[in-house]
Amino acid sequence: MSCPSGSSIGLLLLLIGYAAAGPEPHLLPRAVRSSACQEHTNLHHRLDVVEKQVEDTVEKLEVELAALLDAIEAPKWRHLMDNVGKTAVDILEDPVERSQS
């Protein structure tokens, strides 16, 4: 019979100590880990739904903004936008003062 080497004895003692210590204390039971994983998955699903809703809302607002800009640039409103050589009107100014100037 041969004599086991020092590293083999050390490995054997390490395995015995690990087995004697039992399960890791910070390791949660499988049922708890499973429910935590499910909660994590549910959270990601809800975040995906919110992200999709935000993207849809942004797309709708972009369409609305484009329609408003087109309406403002239409010929019937063009004269309000063309103020070259004219004084800008201050909408907060008192109408009486505006008519005097």
C-alpha atoms as a PDB file:
ATOM      1  CA  MET A   1       0.000   0.000   0.000  1.00  0.00           C
ATOM      2  CA  SER A   2       1.404   3.395  -0.950  1.00  0.00           C
ATOM      3  CA  CYS A   3       1.418   6.456   1.260  1.00  0.00           C
ATOM      4  CA  PRO A   4      -0.947   9.226   0.070  1.00  0.00           C
ATOM      5  CA  SER A   5       0.694  12.534  -0.796  1.00  0.00           C
ATOM      6  CA  GLY A   6       0.246  15.636   1.345  1.00  0.00           C
ATOM      7  CA  SER A   7      -1.961  17.371  -1.212  1.00  0.00           C
ATOM      8  CA  SER A   8      -4.312  14.372  -1.388  1.00  0.00           C
ATOM      9  CA  ILE A   9      -4.674  14.384   2.391  1.00  0.00           C
ATOM     10  CA  GLY A  10      -5.263  18.152   2.380  1.00  0.00           C
ATOM     11  CA  LEU A  11      -7.953  17.810  -0.303  1.00  0.00           C
ATOM     12  CA  LEU A  12      -9.597  14.950   1.605  1.00  0.00           C
ATOM     13  CA  LEU A  13      -9.636  17.003   4.827  1.00  0.00           C
ATOM     14  CA  LEU A  14     -11.051  20.013   2.958  1.00  0.00           C
ATOM     15  CA  LEU A  15     -13.886  17.916   1.512  1.00  0.00           C
ATOM     16  CA  ILE A  16     -14.646  16.379   4.919  1.00  0.00           C
ATOM     17  CA  GLY A  17     -14.741  19.833   6.516  1.00  0.00           C
ATOM     18  CA  TYR A  18     -17.021  21.161   3.783  1.00  0.00           C
ATOM     19  CA  ALA A  19     -19.387  18.200   4.154  1.00  0.00           C
ATOM     20  CA  ALA A  20     -19.422  18.521   7.946  1.00  0.00           C
ATOM     21  CA  ALA A  21     -20.216  22.248   7.767  1.00  0.00           C
ATOM     22  CA  GLY A  22     -23.486  21.559   5.947  1.00  0.00           C
ATOM     23  CA  PRO A  23     -25.119  23.837   3.418  1.00  0.00           C
ATOM     24  CA  GLU A  24     -23.909  27.399   2.982  1.00  0.00           C
ATOM     25  CA  PRO A  25     -25.646  29.671   5.513  1.00  0.00           C
ATOM     26  CA  HIS A  26     -26.308  32.498   3.032  1.00  0.00           C
ATOM     27  CA  LEU A  27     -27.887  30.183   0.461  1.00  0.00           C
ATOM     28  CA  LEU A  28     -31.663  30.601   0.510  1.00  0.00           C
ATOM     29  CA  PRO A  29     -34.004  27.615   0.193  1.00  0.00           C
ATOM     30  CA  ARG A  30     -34.974  26.678  -3.342  1.00  0.00           C
ATOM     31  CA  ALA A  31     -38.597  27.841  -2.922  1.00  0.00           C
ATOM     32  CA  VAL A  32     -37.454  31.297  -1.802  1.00  0.00           C
ATOM     33  CA  ARG A  33     -34.905  31.550  -4.626  1.00  0.00           C
ATOM     34  CA  SER A  34     -37.546  30.471  -7.133  1.00  0.00           C
ATOM     35  CA  SER A  35     -40.051  33.099  -5.968  1.00  0.00           C
ATOM     36  CA  ALA A  36     -37.320  35.771  -6.032  1.00  0.00           C
ATOM     37  CA  CYS A  37     -36.471  34.794  -9.596  1.00  0.00           C
ATOM     38  CA  GLN A  38     -40.140  34.931 -10.534  1.00  0.00           C
ATOM     39  CA  GLU A  39     -40.484  38.395  -8.974  1.00  0.00           C
ATOM     40  CA  HIS A  40     -37.401  39.502 -10.890  1.00  0.00           C
ATOM     41  CA  THR A  41     -38.870  38.148 -14.130  1.00  0.00           C
ATOM     42  CA  ASN A  42     -42.222  39.829 -13.422  1.00  0.00           C
ATOM     43  CA  LEU A  43     -40.474  43.130 -12.732  1.00  0.00           C
ATOM     44  CA  HIS A  44     -38.638  42.948 -16.057  1.00  0.00           C
ATOM     45  CA  HIS A  45     -41.891  42.123 -17.841  1.00  0.00           C
ATOM     46  CA  ARG A  46     -43.638  45.131 -16.275  1.00  0.00           C
ATOM     47  CA  LEU A  47     -40.707  47.373 -17.180  1.00  0.00           C
ATOM     48  CA  ASP A  48     -40.909  46.117 -20.781  1.00  0.00           C
ATOM     49  CA  VAL A  49     -44.624  46.986 -20.863  1.00  0.00           C
ATOM     50  CA  VAL A  50     -43.962  50.478 -19.485  1.00  0.00           C
ATOM     51  CA  GLU A  51     -41.137  51.002 -21.974  1.00  0.00           C
ATOM     52  CA  LYS A  52     -43.421  49.995 -24.857  1.00  0.00           C
ATOM     53  CA  GLN A  53     -46.147  52.394 -23.632  1.00  0.00           C
ATOM     54  CA  VAL A  54     -43.640  55.248 -23.383  1.00  0.00           C
ATOM     55  CA  GLU A  55     -42.358  54.544 -26.899  1.00  0.00           C
ATOM     56  CA  ASP A  56     -45.918  54.480 -28.263  1.00  0.00           C
ATOM     57  CA  THR A  57     -46.742  57.753 -26.511  1.00  0.00           C
ATOM     58  CA  VAL A  58     -43.613  59.428 -27.874  1.00  0.00           C
ATOM     59  CA  GLU A  59     -44.484  58.266 -31.393  1.00  0.00           C
ATOM     60  CA  LYS A  60     -48.022  59.677 -31.056  1.00  0.00           C
ATOM     61  CA  LEU A  61     -46.682  62.987 -29.762  1.00  0.00           C
ATOM     62  CA  GLU A  62     -44.228  63.195 -32.657  1.00  0.00           C
ATOM     63  CA  VAL A  63     -47.113  62.719 -35.105  1.00  0.00           C
ATOM     64  CA  GLU A  64     -49.188  65.370 -33.313  1.00  0.00           C
ATOM     65  CA  LEU A  65     -46.276  67.803 -33.278  1.00  0.00           C
ATOM     66  CA  ALA A  66     -45.643  67.274 -36.989  1.00  0.00           C
ATOM     67  CA  ALA A  67     -49.333  67.923 -37.709  1.00  0.00           C
ATOM     68  CA  LEU A  68     -49.280  71.109 -35.612  1.00  0.00           C
ATOM     69  CA  LEU A  69     -46.150  72.376 -37.339  1.00  0.00           C
ATOM     70  CA  ASP A  70     -47.695  71.677 -40.737  1.00  0.00           C
ATOM     71  CA  ALA A  71     -50.830  73.560 -39.696  1.00  0.00           C
ATOM     72  CA  ILE A  72     -48.809  76.544 -38.467  1.00  0.00           C
ATOM     73  CA  GLU A  73     -46.792  76.681 -41.683  1.00  0.00           C
ATOM     74  CA  ALA A  74     -49.948  76.548 -43.827  1.00  0.00           C
ATOM     75  CA  PRO A  75     -50.532  79.570 -46.111  1.00  0.00           C
ATOM     76  CA  LYS A  76     -53.446  80.926 -44.072  1.00  0.00           C
ATOM     77  CA  TRP A  77     -51.136  81.345 -41.049  1.00  0.00           C
ATOM     78  CA  ARG A  78     -48.026  82.372 -43.003  1.00  0.00           C
ATOM     79  CA  HIS A  79     -48.709  86.116 -42.630  1.00  0.00           C
ATOM     80  CA  LEU A  80     -48.464  85.776 -38.842  1.00  0.00           C
ATOM     81  CA  MET A  81     -45.041  84.181 -39.169  1.00  0.00           C
ATOM     82  CA  ASP A  82     -43.663  86.701 -41.678  1.00  0.00           C
ATOM     83  CA  ASN A  83     -42.681  89.670 -39.528  1.00  0.00           C
ATOM     84  CA  VAL A  84     -39.629  90.891 -41.423  1.00  0.00           C
ATOM     85  CA  GLY A  85     -39.278  94.629 -40.836  1.00  0.00           C
ATOM     86  CA  LYS A  86     -42.145  94.688 -38.355  1.00  0.00           C
ATOM     87  CA  THR A  87     -41.945  95.144 -34.635  1.00  0.00           C
ATOM     88  CA  ALA A  88     -42.664  92.046 -32.616  1.00  0.00           C
ATOM     89  CA  VAL A  89     -45.894  92.187 -30.647  1.00  0.00           C
ATOM     90  CA  ASP A  90     -45.646  91.681 -26.916  1.00  0.00           C
ATOM     91  CA  ILE A  91     -48.729  89.697 -25.936  1.00  0.00           C
ATOM     92  CA  LEU A  92     -48.275  90.691 -22.294  1.00  0.00           C
ATOM     93  CA  GLU A  93     -48.335  94.387 -23.110  1.00  0.00           C
ATOM     94  CA  ASP A  94     -51.466  96.379 -22.239  1.00  0.00           C
ATOM     95  CA  PRO A  95     -53.614  96.763 -25.406  1.00  0.00           C
ATOM     96  CA  VAL A  96     -54.048 100.498 -24.756  1.00  0.00           C
ATOM     97  CA  GLU A  97     -50.280 101.015 -24.662  1.00  0.00           C
ATOM     98  CA  ARG A  98     -49.901  98.878 -27.792  1.00  0.00           C
ATOM     99  CA  SER A  99     -52.319 101.060 -29.783  1.00  0.00           C
ATOM    100  CA  GLN A 100     -50.468 104.260 -28.745  1.00  0.00           C
ATOM    101  CA  SER A 101     -47.100 103.073 -30.005  1.00  0.00           C
END
